[in-house]
Amino acid sequence: MSQPVLGILTLYLNDRKVLEERHIYERMITEGRKLGLDVYVFTPADVHARNGMIHALHYSPEQRKWFRRWRSFPNIIFDRCRIQKSARFRQLVSFRSRYRKLLFLNRPLRNKWTIHKVLHDRREFRQHLPETQLIHSLQDVQRMLARHQTVYLKPINGTGGRGILRVSKRQLLPGIYEIQGRNQSRSIIKPRRVTLSQIGGYLSSWNMRGNYVVQEGIQIELPTGRVHDYRMLVQKNGFGEWEVTGCVGRMGPMHSVTSNLHGGGRAIPMDRLLDKWIPEVQKREEVMQEAYRLGVEIPRFLESQYEALCELALDLAIDRNGRILLLEVNPKPSREVFSQIGDHVSYRKSIVRPLEYALWLYKQKKESRLDSTDSAAL
């Protein structure tokens, strides 16, 4: 009996065909073999539509080597493609459209602004969302600054902390604002002091209109001056149910407005970081329970609004009063936060759970087809 086949769909990072998460795919292929799942990796560039074949990437755990082999289309596709400004991404869009009827573990999620609006329509989530507005003009930024001490400017399709700016009022200098952040290469932009009238000139080159949101800034600076938040990974398990795989604290480097690990952030166990932030033991426990409850309810709701999902990362901020705020939803989460803190159990789960879910989904679809065949025969 042949094994079910899972194809991991990804994009090359450059024209030299470098894979961003090669080590993760090596683990997935190895773990998939143990589960009875045949796993290979491919990109839209490897698909030969004329003969219906894929020049797939395989990995040999014994030889620790990658090699290529011609393969038929997989039974299931796990889409791990992140947004790029490249011809490769345009090729991906075409692939998704052409092969839409294939069985995908997950479909693309909408941008930050759309996700915010969908969640904001639900009363139970509204209290967990920072005030957020799509930027149509400088006036949108100015109105938010009139209501909040600090605001963040975020690209609606950005990842990894790229292109995020923070604008803060200087308490001891009335009328003066401080702008700092990261450029599109994740490099830290040094703080710059400007007046309200100068903000427009500074932002004019950032192409923010319709492409950025302005968001209420939550006070998440530790006594050291470093910002911190929490990355929660939520995945479907081998029974098709949403479950929190784990939650890890992240602390940004000095002078950074983000905590992303790719931008130099550091991963810290959630309970250890929360212990520094909320001293009351009972309050901490209540906050963690609420965070885990939200962690399951938000993906479950988003999947009901959109198409298939199998994993999401939620970036959470927790203020001094224990209020939990959802900063961002990431549909293509990385897993290194667990390995950085030495949580090997959660790290393995983060790799295995999509495979277990793929097997469950394959069996469900197979049984459904058999039932349909039997019904037709009757």
Protein backbone atom coordinates (compact mmCIF):
# COMPACT_ATOMS: atom_id res chain seq x y z
CA MET A 1 0.00 0.00 0.00
CA SER A 2 1.50 3.33 -1.07
CA GLN A 3 2.15 6.06 1.47
CA PRO A 4 0.27 9.38 1.34
CA VAL A 5 2.43 12.15 -0.09
CA LEU A 6 2.82 15.64 1.38
CA GLY A 7 4.43 18.33 -0.75
CA ILE A 8 5.85 21.33 1.11
CA LEU A 9 5.38 24.34 -1.14
CA THR A 10 7.98 27.06 -0.62
CA LEU A 11 9.89 29.78 -2.49
CA TYR A 12 13.57 30.13 -3.21
CA LEU A 13 15.07 33.16 -1.50
CA ASN A 14 17.13 34.10 -4.56
CA ASP A 15 18.13 33.00 -8.04
CA ARG A 16 20.71 30.60 -6.56
CA LYS A 17 17.78 28.50 -5.32
CA VAL A 18 18.50 28.89 -1.61
CA LEU A 19 15.78 27.57 0.73
CA GLU A 20 15.02 29.68 3.80
CA GLU A 21 13.98 26.85 6.14
CA ARG A 22 16.10 23.98 4.84
CA HIS A 23 16.84 22.58 8.31
CA ILE A 24 13.12 22.59 9.20
CA TYR A 25 12.29 20.71 6.01
CA GLU A 26 15.01 18.17 6.79
CA ARG A 27 13.34 17.50 10.14
CA MET A 28 9.88 17.31 8.55
CA ILE A 29 11.02 14.80 5.95
CA THR A 30 12.73 12.70 8.63
CA GLU A 31 9.75 12.80 11.01
CA GLY A 32 7.33 12.19 8.16
CA ARG A 33 9.09 8.93 7.32
CA LYS A 34 8.56 7.73 10.90
CA LEU A 35 4.84 8.48 10.63
CA GLY A 36 4.42 6.77 7.27
CA LEU A 37 4.18 10.03 5.33
CA ASP A 38 6.21 10.62 2.18
CA VAL A 39 7.37 14.27 2.27
CA TYR A 40 9.15 16.29 -0.39
CA VAL A 41 9.77 20.00 -1.02
CA PHE A 42 9.05 21.98 -4.17
CA THR A 43 8.56 25.51 -5.49
CA PRO A 44 6.33 26.76 -8.33
CA ALA A 45 9.48 26.93 -10.48
CA ASP A 46 9.89 23.14 -10.12
CA VAL A 47 6.43 22.39 -11.55
CA HIS A 48 6.25 21.23 -15.17
CA ALA A 49 2.59 21.69 -16.02
CA ARG A 50 2.87 20.16 -19.50
CA ASN A 51 3.72 16.67 -18.23
CA GLY A 52 2.07 17.07 -14.83
CA MET A 53 5.27 16.38 -12.92
CA ILE A 54 7.37 18.12 -10.27
CA HIS A 55 11.17 18.15 -10.11
CA ALA A 56 11.00 17.74 -6.36
CA LEU A 57 13.62 18.17 -3.66
CA HIS A 58 14.22 15.15 -1.44
CA TYR A 59 16.40 14.73 1.62
CA SER A 60 18.22 11.58 2.74
CA PRO A 61 18.64 11.49 6.56
CA GLU A 62 21.17 8.68 6.25
CA GLN A 63 23.42 10.51 3.79
CA ARG A 64 22.45 13.98 5.04
CA LYS A 65 22.14 15.09 1.44
CA TRP A 66 19.54 16.75 -0.75
CA PHE A 67 18.74 15.43 -4.22
CA ARG A 68 16.09 15.84 -6.90
CA ARG A 69 13.62 13.36 -8.29
CA TRP A 70 10.70 13.65 -10.69
CA ARG A 71 7.45 13.17 -8.81
CA SER A 72 3.73 13.27 -9.45
CA PHE A 73 1.68 15.92 -7.68
CA PRO A 74 1.32 15.21 -3.94
CA ASN A 75 -1.89 14.17 -2.20
CA ILE A 76 -1.67 17.22 0.08
CA ILE A 77 0.16 20.55 -0.15
CA PHE A 78 1.55 22.44 2.86
CA ASP A 79 1.98 26.06 1.73
CA ARG A 80 4.95 27.66 3.53
CA CYS A 81 5.42 30.55 1.09
CA ARG A 82 5.98 34.00 2.53
CA ILE A 83 5.45 37.27 0.69
CA GLN A 84 8.30 38.39 -1.57
CA LYS A 85 8.74 41.26 -3.98
CA SER A 86 9.96 39.07 -6.82
CA ALA A 87 9.01 37.23 -10.00
CA ARG A 88 9.06 34.08 -7.84
CA PHE A 89 6.11 35.36 -5.83
CA ARG A 90 4.15 36.21 -8.98
CA GLN A 91 4.79 32.64 -10.12
CA LEU A 92 3.39 31.44 -6.78
CA VAL A 93 0.18 33.45 -7.24
CA SER A 94 -0.28 31.81 -10.62
CA PHE A 95 0.33 28.34 -9.15
CA ARG A 96 -2.22 28.87 -6.36
CA SER A 97 -4.82 29.94 -8.89
CA ARG A 98 -4.16 27.16 -11.42
CA TYR A 99 -4.09 24.33 -8.86
CA ARG A 100 -6.73 25.67 -6.51
CA LYS A 101 -8.69 22.41 -6.51
CA LEU A 102 -5.81 20.43 -5.00
CA LEU A 103 -5.95 19.57 -1.30
CA PHE A 104 -4.11 22.22 0.74
CA LEU A 105 -3.43 22.07 4.48
CA ASN A 106 -3.62 25.85 4.56
CA ARG A 107 -4.61 28.72 2.33
CA PRO A 108 -3.21 32.28 2.30
CA LEU A 109 -4.50 34.52 5.07
CA ARG A 110 -5.47 38.14 4.48
CA ASN A 111 -3.35 41.19 5.38
CA LYS A 112 -3.05 42.76 8.85
CA TRP A 113 -5.75 45.36 8.26
CA THR A 114 -8.32 42.88 6.98
CA ILE A 115 -7.65 40.47 9.85
CA HIS A 116 -8.00 43.31 12.35
CA LYS A 117 -11.39 44.32 10.91
CA VAL A 118 -12.72 40.76 10.92
CA LEU A 119 -11.69 40.21 14.55
CA HIS A 120 -12.94 43.65 15.59
CA ASP A 121 -16.43 42.76 14.39
CA ARG A 122 -16.59 40.13 17.12
CA ARG A 123 -17.34 41.59 20.55
CA GLU A 124 -15.38 38.92 22.42
CA PHE A 125 -12.17 39.81 20.56
CA ARG A 126 -12.58 43.59 20.42
CA GLN A 127 -11.23 44.17 23.94
CA HIS A 128 -8.04 42.32 22.97
CA LEU A 129 -7.22 44.52 19.96
CA PRO A 130 -5.16 47.73 20.07
CA GLU A 131 -6.83 50.64 18.31
CA THR A 132 -5.79 50.33 14.67
CA GLN A 133 -6.47 52.37 11.53
CA LEU A 134 -5.51 52.01 7.89
CA ILE A 135 -3.41 55.00 6.83
CA HIS A 136 -5.04 57.05 4.08
CA SER A 137 -3.20 60.29 4.90
CA LEU A 138 -0.97 61.94 7.47
CA GLN A 139 -4.11 63.05 9.34
CA ASP A 140 -4.75 59.42 10.35
CA VAL A 141 -1.36 59.32 12.09
CA GLN A 142 -1.91 62.71 13.71
CA ARG A 143 -5.34 61.72 15.05
CA MET A 144 -3.89 58.60 16.64
CA LEU A 145 -1.04 60.60 18.17
CA ALA A 146 -3.60 62.95 19.71
CA ARG A 147 -5.11 59.97 21.56
CA HIS A 148 -2.02 57.92 22.41
CA GLN A 149 1.45 58.53 23.79
CA THR A 150 2.97 56.14 21.27
CA VAL A 151 1.84 54.68 17.93
CA TYR A 152 3.30 52.04 15.65
CA LEU A 153 3.26 52.24 11.87
CA LYS A 154 3.19 48.77 10.30
CA PRO A 155 3.11 47.57 6.68
CA ILE A 156 -0.06 45.51 6.17
CA ASN A 157 1.92 42.77 4.40
CA GLY A 158 5.18 43.04 6.33
CA THR A 159 6.94 40.20 8.16
CA GLY A 160 9.88 39.87 10.51
CA GLY A 161 9.72 43.46 11.79
CA ARG A 162 10.59 44.98 8.42
CA GLY A 163 9.48 48.55 7.82
CA ILE A 164 7.99 49.14 11.28
CA LEU A 165 8.22 52.61 12.80
CA ARG A 166 7.40 53.84 16.29
CA VAL A 167 6.41 57.46 16.91
CA SER A 168 6.40 58.64 20.55
CA LYS A 169 5.70 61.92 22.28
CA ARG A 170 8.61 63.24 24.35
CA GLN A 171 7.09 63.88 27.76
CA LEU A 172 9.64 66.50 28.82
CA LEU A 173 9.70 68.21 25.42
CA PRO A 174 6.18 69.39 24.46
CA GLY A 175 5.57 69.31 20.71
CA ILE A 176 8.54 67.00 20.05
CA TYR A 177 8.18 63.45 18.79
CA GLU A 178 10.73 60.64 18.48
CA ILE A 179 10.70 58.35 15.44
CA GLN A 180 12.63 55.10 15.34
CA GLY A 181 12.20 51.63 13.85
CA ARG A 182 13.54 49.24 11.24
CA ASN A 183 13.95 49.58 7.49
CA GLN A 184 13.04 46.93 4.92
CA SER A 185 16.33 45.15 5.59
CA ARG A 186 15.50 44.93 9.33
CA SER A 187 18.35 47.34 10.16
CA ILE A 188 17.64 49.56 13.16
CA ILE A 189 16.84 53.19 12.33
CA LYS A 190 18.35 55.47 14.93
CA PRO A 191 15.93 57.66 16.92
CA ARG A 192 15.17 61.03 15.35
CA ARG A 193 13.39 63.93 17.04
CA VAL A 194 10.92 65.91 14.95
CA THR A 195 8.04 68.32 15.38
CA LEU A 196 4.50 67.40 14.38
CA SER A 197 4.84 69.40 11.16
CA GLN A 198 8.05 67.52 10.27
CA ILE A 199 6.53 64.06 10.64
CA GLY A 200 4.82 64.27 7.25
CA GLY A 201 8.07 65.04 5.46
CA TYR A 202 9.80 62.13 7.16
CA LEU A 203 7.04 59.67 6.29
CA SER A 204 6.52 60.85 2.71
CA SER A 205 9.13 58.46 1.28
CA TRP A 206 7.63 55.38 3.01
CA ASN A 207 4.66 54.91 0.63
CA MET A 208 2.27 54.36 3.53
CA ARG A 209 -1.04 55.35 1.98
CA GLY A 210 -3.17 52.20 1.82
CA ASN A 211 -0.13 50.04 2.60
CA TYR A 212 0.32 50.73 6.32
CA VAL A 213 -1.73 50.73 9.49
CA VAL A 214 -1.22 53.02 12.47
CA GLN A 215 -1.67 51.16 15.75
CA GLU A 216 -1.99 52.18 19.38
CA GLY A 217 1.32 51.62 21.17
CA ILE A 218 1.14 49.36 24.22
CA GLN A 219 3.57 50.00 27.07
CA ILE A 220 5.73 46.89 26.83
CA GLU A 221 9.16 48.31 27.68
CA LEU A 222 10.94 46.47 30.46
CA PRO A 223 12.87 48.47 33.10
CA THR A 224 15.95 47.89 30.92
CA GLY A 225 14.30 49.82 28.07
CA ARG A 226 13.94 46.74 25.86
CA VAL A 227 10.54 45.96 24.35
CA HIS A 228 9.03 42.53 24.87
CA ASP A 229 6.05 40.47 23.73
CA TYR A 230 4.99 36.84 23.42
CA ARG A 231 4.91 34.51 20.42
CA MET A 232 2.23 31.81 20.68
CA LEU A 233 2.18 28.94 18.17
CA VAL A 234 -1.23 27.34 17.64
CA GLN A 235 -1.56 24.27 15.38
CA LYS A 236 -4.02 21.61 14.32
CA ASN A 237 -3.22 18.28 15.97
CA GLY A 238 -3.61 14.72 14.70
CA PHE A 239 -7.36 14.85 15.38
CA GLY A 240 -7.99 18.03 13.39
CA GLU A 241 -8.36 20.19 16.50
CA TRP A 242 -6.68 23.51 17.32
CA GLU A 243 -4.19 23.29 20.17
CA VAL A 244 -1.54 25.63 21.60
CA THR A 245 1.87 24.11 20.91
CA GLY A 246 3.64 26.63 23.13
CA CYS A 247 4.19 30.28 24.00
CA VAL A 248 7.57 31.98 24.35
CA GLY A 249 8.55 35.47 25.44
CA ARG A 250 10.64 37.64 23.12
CA MET A 251 12.83 40.54 24.16
CA GLY A 252 14.20 42.95 21.58
CA PRO A 253 17.76 44.27 21.47
CA MET A 254 18.56 47.73 22.79
CA HIS A 255 17.19 50.61 20.68
CA SER A 256 14.86 48.25 18.78
CA VAL A 257 11.10 48.87 18.54
CA THR A 258 10.43 45.19 17.78
CA SER A 259 11.29 41.90 19.46
CA ASN A 260 11.56 39.70 16.34
CA LEU A 261 14.28 37.07 16.58
CA HIS A 262 15.37 37.76 12.99
CA GLY A 263 15.97 41.34 14.06
CA GLY A 264 18.24 40.38 16.96
CA GLY A 265 15.59 39.58 19.55
CA ARG A 266 16.08 36.98 22.24
CA ALA A 267 13.69 34.18 23.22
CA ILE A 268 12.86 33.71 26.92
CA PRO A 269 10.46 31.22 28.57
CA MET A 270 7.04 32.86 28.94
CA ASP A 271 6.71 32.26 32.69
CA ARG A 272 10.17 33.70 33.37
CA LEU A 273 9.53 36.87 31.41
CA LEU A 274 6.02 37.28 32.78
CA ASP A 275 7.40 36.89 36.30
CA LYS A 276 9.40 40.09 35.78
CA TRP A 277 6.36 41.92 34.41
CA ILE A 278 3.51 40.86 36.71
CA PRO A 279 4.72 40.06 40.26
CA GLU A 280 1.43 38.59 41.60
CA VAL A 281 1.42 34.80 41.19
CA GLN A 282 -2.35 34.41 40.88
CA LYS A 283 -2.59 37.24 38.35
CA ARG A 284 0.13 35.64 36.22
CA GLU A 285 -1.69 32.32 36.22
CA GLU A 286 -4.95 34.00 35.19
CA VAL A 287 -3.18 35.84 32.37
CA MET A 288 -1.61 32.64 31.02
CA GLN A 289 -4.94 30.80 31.14
CA GLU A 290 -6.64 33.64 29.28
CA ALA A 291 -3.85 33.77 26.70
CA TYR A 292 -4.14 30.05 25.99
CA ARG A 293 -7.93 30.32 25.71
CA LEU A 294 -7.62 33.15 23.19
CA GLY A 295 -4.92 31.19 21.39
CA VAL A 296 -7.44 28.52 20.43
CA GLU A 297 -10.50 30.71 19.88
CA ILE A 298 -8.87 33.18 17.45
CA PRO A 299 -7.59 30.58 14.92
CA ARG A 300 -10.87 28.68 15.17
CA PHE A 301 -12.80 31.85 14.31
CA LEU A 302 -10.44 32.92 11.51
CA GLU A 303 -10.71 29.52 9.88
CA SER A 304 -14.51 29.84 9.95
CA GLN A 305 -14.19 33.14 8.06
CA TYR A 306 -11.57 32.10 5.53
CA GLU A 307 -10.36 28.87 3.99
CA ALA A 308 -8.33 26.02 5.43
CA LEU A 309 -5.69 26.79 8.05
CA CYS A 310 -3.41 24.45 9.97
CA GLU A 311 -1.18 26.73 12.06
CA LEU A 312 -0.92 30.36 13.15
CA ALA A 313 1.42 32.36 15.32
CA LEU A 314 -0.15 35.01 17.53
CA ASP A 315 2.01 37.92 18.70
CA LEU A 316 0.64 39.01 22.07
CA ALA A 317 1.36 42.03 24.26
CA ILE A 318 0.48 42.00 27.95
CA ASP A 319 0.26 45.31 29.77
CA ARG A 320 0.99 45.93 33.46
CA ASN A 321 -2.65 45.28 34.37
CA GLY A 322 -2.61 41.86 32.72
CA ARG A 323 -4.66 42.91 29.69
CA ILE A 324 -3.82 40.71 26.70
CA LEU A 325 -3.66 42.38 23.29
CA LEU A 326 -3.26 40.73 19.92
CA LEU A 327 -0.59 42.62 17.98
CA GLU A 328 -0.42 40.44 14.91
CA VAL A 329 -1.37 37.11 13.32
CA ASN A 330 1.32 35.28 11.36
CA PRO A 331 0.12 32.48 9.04
CA LYS A 332 3.63 31.21 8.21
CA PRO A 333 5.28 30.98 11.63
CA SER A 334 8.86 30.01 12.33
CA ARG A 335 9.75 27.56 15.09
CA GLU A 336 13.13 28.65 16.39
CA VAL A 337 11.71 30.33 19.51
CA PHE A 338 11.41 26.87 21.08
CA SER A 339 14.90 25.71 20.18
CA GLN A 340 16.36 29.00 21.45
CA ILE A 341 15.03 28.39 24.96
CA GLY A 342 15.92 24.69 24.90
CA ASP A 343 12.30 23.51 24.79
CA HIS A 344 12.95 20.48 22.60
CA VAL A 345 9.54 18.94 23.31
CA SER A 346 7.63 21.94 21.93
CA TYR A 347 10.12 22.30 19.07
CA ARG A 348 9.49 18.71 17.94
CA LYS A 349 5.73 19.18 18.33
CA SER A 350 5.89 22.28 16.13
CA ILE A 351 7.42 20.16 13.37
CA VAL A 352 5.38 16.98 13.81
CA ARG A 353 1.89 18.42 14.30
CA PRO A 354 1.39 19.59 10.67
CA LEU A 355 2.45 16.11 9.57
CA GLU A 356 0.01 14.41 11.95
CA TYR A 357 -2.73 16.75 10.81
CA ALA A 358 -1.90 16.00 7.15
CA LEU A 359 -2.31 12.26 7.81
CA TRP A 360 -5.61 12.85 9.61
CA LEU A 361 -6.91 15.05 6.78
CA TYR A 362 -5.82 12.53 4.13
CA LYS A 363 -7.69 9.73 5.91
CA GLN A 364 -10.79 11.92 6.33
CA LYS A 365 -10.85 12.77 2.62
CA LYS A 366 -10.24 9.14 1.66
CA GLU A 367 -13.09 7.90 3.85
CA SER A 368 -15.35 10.62 2.47
CA ARG A 369 -14.61 9.50 -1.10
CA LEU A 370 -15.31 5.87 -0.19
CA ASP A 371 -18.62 6.85 1.41
CA SER A 372 -19.56 8.81 -1.72
CA THR A 373 -18.70 5.80 -3.92
CA ASP A 374 -20.78 3.47 -1.77
CA SER A 375 -23.72 5.87 -1.84
CA ALA A 376 -23.52 6.13 -5.62
CA ALA A 377 -23.47 2.33 -5.92
CA LEU A 378 -26.68 2.10 -3.90
